Amino acid sequence: MVKRTGPQTLVLRNLIRELNTLGKKNKSNLWLRIARDLERPTRIRRSVNLYKIDKYTNEGETALVPGKVLSVGDLTKKLTIAAYQFSGKAEEKINKVGKAIKLQELMKENPKGKKVRIIG
């Protein structure tokens, strides 16, 4: 039987630790769920294309992707999209219309995790 080791990158381990402490401190299930999703193996972590984010969000919302945002499709709404990773083209497309931020920035801006939609 193979022993489960968890994420190998130090940055990701620290992010998961920060998410867990923020979730417990603010009693926010959002951050605890995102930490649990990021602990999953890379091969089954979420990847979401821009057209899906555009389809399932409303104007002015904050979308959170616990994985990677890919560049297939276009963004027609002004959104704030937070994710663990962005592809290069996806980040360019998002910044033309809305705002692309890293997960750590969203944690600082919105520590309670209110009015955030998880996509993926």
Protein backbone atom coordinates (compact mmCIF):
# COMPACT_ATOMS: atom_id res chain seq x y z
CA MET A 1 0.00 0.00 0.00
CA VAL A 2 1.33 3.42 -0.98
CA LYS A 3 1.57 5.99 1.79
CA ARG A 4 -0.25 9.27 1.08
CA THR A 5 2.22 12.14 1.34
CA GLY A 6 0.21 15.21 0.36
CA PRO A 7 1.41 18.19 -1.67
CA GLN A 8 5.15 18.34 -2.24
CA THR A 9 5.62 22.04 -2.99
CA LEU A 10 6.41 24.17 0.04
CA VAL A 11 4.33 27.08 -1.24
CA LEU A 12 1.24 24.89 -1.56
CA ARG A 13 1.76 23.35 1.87
CA ASN A 14 2.00 26.81 3.43
CA LEU A 15 -1.11 27.96 1.56
CA ILE A 16 -3.10 24.96 2.80
CA ARG A 17 -1.92 25.63 6.36
CA GLU A 18 -2.97 29.30 6.07
CA LEU A 19 -6.36 28.33 4.66
CA ASN A 20 -6.99 25.91 7.52
CA THR A 21 -6.03 28.44 10.20
CA LEU A 22 -8.11 31.21 8.57
CA GLY A 23 -11.09 28.88 8.26
CA LYS A 24 -10.91 27.82 11.91
CA LYS A 25 -10.27 31.37 13.15
CA ASN A 26 -13.22 32.90 11.26
CA LYS A 27 -15.40 29.77 11.41
CA SER A 28 -15.62 29.84 7.63
CA ASN A 29 -16.30 26.55 5.88
CA LEU A 30 -15.27 28.09 2.54
CA TRP A 31 -11.57 28.23 3.42
CA LEU A 32 -11.63 24.75 4.97
CA ARG A 33 -13.19 23.34 1.80
CA ILE A 34 -10.66 25.07 -0.46
CA ALA A 35 -7.82 23.69 1.69
CA ARG A 36 -9.27 20.18 1.37
CA ASP A 37 -9.59 20.60 -2.42
CA LEU A 38 -5.98 21.77 -2.78
CA GLU A 39 -4.73 18.75 -0.81
CA ARG A 40 -5.96 16.47 -3.58
CA PRO A 41 -3.47 15.06 -6.09
CA THR A 42 -2.57 17.31 -9.03
CA ARG A 43 -4.02 14.94 -11.59
CA ILE A 44 -7.52 15.29 -10.13
CA ARG A 45 -7.34 18.96 -9.12
CA ARG A 46 -9.85 21.20 -10.88
CA SER A 47 -9.15 22.96 -14.17
CA VAL A 48 -11.78 25.42 -15.35
CA ASN A 49 -12.05 27.24 -18.68
CA LEU A 50 -13.11 30.87 -18.96
CA TYR A 51 -16.35 30.11 -20.80
CA LYS A 52 -17.59 28.05 -17.83
CA ILE A 53 -16.74 30.82 -15.39
CA ASP A 54 -18.60 33.27 -17.64
CA LYS A 55 -21.59 30.93 -17.89
CA TYR A 56 -22.07 30.26 -14.17
CA THR A 57 -21.40 33.71 -12.65
CA ASN A 58 -23.18 37.06 -12.57
CA GLU A 59 -21.81 40.54 -13.22
CA GLY A 60 -19.60 41.88 -10.42
CA GLU A 61 -19.24 38.57 -8.55
CA THR A 62 -16.13 37.00 -7.11
CA ALA A 63 -15.39 33.52 -8.51
CA LEU A 64 -12.98 31.17 -6.77
CA VAL A 65 -11.27 28.27 -8.57
CA PRO A 66 -9.42 25.81 -6.31
CA GLY A 67 -7.12 24.78 -9.14
CA LYS A 68 -6.12 26.25 -12.48
CA VAL A 69 -7.95 28.65 -14.79
CA LEU A 70 -7.49 27.86 -18.50
CA SER A 71 -8.02 30.21 -21.45
CA VAL A 72 -10.65 28.50 -23.62
CA GLY A 73 -13.48 30.92 -24.28
CA ASP A 74 -13.95 34.59 -23.53
CA LEU A 75 -15.06 36.58 -20.53
CA THR A 76 -17.98 38.96 -21.16
CA LYS A 77 -18.70 40.06 -17.58
CA LYS A 78 -16.70 42.19 -15.18
CA LEU A 79 -15.61 39.63 -12.58
CA THR A 80 -12.96 39.14 -9.94
CA ILE A 81 -11.50 35.67 -10.38
CA ALA A 82 -9.30 34.17 -7.69
CA ALA A 83 -7.43 30.93 -8.29
CA TYR A 84 -4.43 28.92 -7.22
CA GLN A 85 -2.98 29.07 -10.76
CA PHE A 86 -3.72 30.80 -14.07
CA SER A 87 -2.51 29.98 -17.54
CA GLY A 88 -0.75 32.92 -19.19
CA LYS A 89 -3.44 33.61 -21.78
CA ALA A 90 -6.26 33.21 -19.25
CA GLU A 91 -4.75 35.85 -16.99
CA GLU A 92 -4.43 38.26 -19.94
CA LYS A 93 -8.05 37.70 -21.00
CA ILE A 94 -9.37 38.16 -17.47
CA ASN A 95 -7.41 41.36 -16.84
CA LYS A 96 -8.82 42.92 -20.05
CA VAL A 97 -12.38 42.69 -18.68
CA GLY A 98 -12.14 42.01 -14.96
CA LYS A 99 -9.50 41.24 -12.37
CA ALA A 100 -7.39 38.11 -11.83
CA ILE A 101 -6.00 37.63 -8.34
CA LYS A 102 -4.19 34.87 -6.50
CA LEU A 103 -5.86 32.94 -3.72
CA GLN A 104 -3.67 34.61 -1.07
CA GLU A 105 -4.90 38.07 -2.12
CA LEU A 106 -8.53 37.00 -1.79
CA MET A 107 -7.80 35.64 1.69
CA LYS A 108 -6.49 39.09 2.71
CA GLU A 109 -9.33 41.03 1.03
CA ASN A 110 -12.17 38.79 2.25
CA PRO A 111 -11.12 36.81 5.36
CA LYS A 112 -14.72 35.85 6.20
CA GLY A 113 -15.24 34.39 2.72
CA LYS A 114 -18.58 36.12 2.12
CA LYS A 115 -20.16 36.41 -1.35
CA VAL A 116 -17.68 34.12 -3.10
CA ARG A 117 -18.79 31.53 -5.64
CA ILE A 118 -16.73 28.36 -6.04
CA ILE A 119 -16.43 27.28 -9.67
CA GLY A 120 -15.25 23.86 -10.72
